[in-house]
Amino acid sequence: ELFPGVELIPGEYGQLPETLQQVTEEYGLQPTPAFTHKVIQLWETVLVRHGLMTVGYPPSGKTWVKDVLAETLKRVADG
């Protein structure tokens, strides 16, 4: 944690959470709170960074997080 003990106000994501759940299920994945949180964390990081790199063990879900986020954003942008 960057600021231990600080409570953050939940962000407003519009249609992102509902679309995220739908895309996750269509990809044959389970929209668990942990997976959904990782996808939203990646989106928040993209918003504030010029570049990023995902790291982790090979079967940890990095590609799924990226792919689900990309499809979710595409659908939200298309309306």
Protein backbone atom coordinates (compact mmCIF):
# COMPACT_ATOMS: atom_id res chain seq x y z
CA GLU A 1 0.00 0.00 0.00
CA LEU A 2 1.19 3.45 -0.82
CA PHE A 3 -0.59 5.15 2.10
CA PRO A 4 -1.32 2.60 4.85
CA GLY A 5 -4.44 3.28 6.87
CA VAL A 6 -5.90 5.78 4.39
CA GLU A 7 -9.42 4.93 3.21
CA LEU A 8 -10.00 5.74 -0.44
CA ILE A 9 -13.37 6.89 -1.71
CA PRO A 10 -14.70 4.38 -4.26
CA GLY A 11 -14.40 5.67 -7.82
CA GLU A 12 -17.26 6.14 -10.25
CA TYR A 13 -16.79 3.86 -13.22
CA GLY A 14 -20.11 4.22 -15.02
CA GLN A 15 -20.87 1.14 -17.10
CA LEU A 16 -17.40 -0.36 -16.66
CA PRO A 17 -18.22 -2.81 -13.80
CA GLU A 18 -21.33 -4.25 -15.47
CA THR A 19 -19.61 -4.58 -18.83
CA LEU A 20 -16.53 -6.04 -17.14
CA GLN A 21 -18.62 -8.77 -15.52
CA GLN A 22 -20.35 -9.56 -18.82
CA VAL A 23 -17.07 -9.78 -20.77
CA THR A 24 -15.45 -11.90 -18.07
CA GLU A 25 -18.29 -14.42 -18.21
CA GLU A 26 -18.25 -14.45 -22.04
CA TYR A 27 -14.54 -15.31 -21.94
CA GLY A 28 -15.40 -18.31 -19.77
CA LEU A 29 -13.86 -16.81 -16.65
CA GLN A 30 -15.30 -16.26 -13.19
CA PRO A 31 -15.85 -12.59 -12.32
CA THR A 32 -14.51 -12.93 -8.79
CA PRO A 33 -13.94 -9.78 -6.74
CA ALA A 34 -10.16 -10.36 -6.94
CA PHE A 35 -10.13 -10.63 -10.75
CA THR A 36 -12.44 -7.65 -11.18
CA HIS A 37 -10.26 -5.61 -8.81
CA LYS A 38 -7.12 -6.47 -10.80
CA VAL A 39 -8.76 -5.38 -14.07
CA ILE A 40 -9.88 -2.08 -12.51
CA GLN A 41 -6.40 -1.59 -11.00
CA LEU A 42 -4.88 -2.01 -14.46
CA TRP A 43 -7.32 0.55 -15.89
CA GLU A 44 -6.52 3.05 -13.13
CA THR A 45 -2.80 2.55 -13.76
CA VAL A 46 -3.23 3.13 -17.50
CA LEU A 47 -4.97 6.41 -16.73
CA VAL A 48 -2.08 7.84 -14.71
CA ARG A 49 1.04 6.30 -16.32
CA HIS A 50 2.76 6.77 -19.67
CA GLY A 51 3.65 3.10 -19.78
CA LEU A 52 3.44 0.01 -17.64
CA MET A 53 4.56 -3.58 -17.45
CA THR A 54 2.70 -6.47 -15.92
CA VAL A 55 4.86 -9.05 -14.18
CA GLY A 56 4.12 -12.33 -12.49
CA TYR A 57 4.40 -16.07 -12.82
CA PRO A 58 3.30 -17.52 -16.18
CA PRO A 59 -0.14 -18.88 -15.17
CA SER A 60 -1.12 -15.89 -13.02
CA GLY A 61 -3.70 -14.31 -15.37
CA LYS A 62 -1.82 -11.28 -16.72
CA THR A 63 -2.99 -11.82 -20.30
CA TRP A 64 -6.58 -12.43 -19.24
CA VAL A 65 -6.64 -9.19 -17.25
CA LYS A 66 -5.29 -7.25 -20.25
CA ASP A 67 -7.63 -8.92 -22.75
CA VAL A 68 -10.75 -8.52 -20.60
CA LEU A 69 -9.92 -4.85 -19.97
CA ALA A 70 -9.37 -4.21 -23.69
CA GLU A 71 -12.68 -5.78 -24.68
CA THR A 72 -14.53 -4.05 -21.83
CA LEU A 73 -13.20 -0.63 -22.82
CA LYS A 74 -14.05 -1.29 -26.47
CA ARG A 75 -17.66 -2.08 -25.59
CA VAL A 76 -18.03 0.85 -23.21
CA ALA A 77 -16.61 3.23 -25.86
CA ASP A 78 -18.95 1.84 -28.54
CA GLY A 79 -21.90 2.51 -26.24
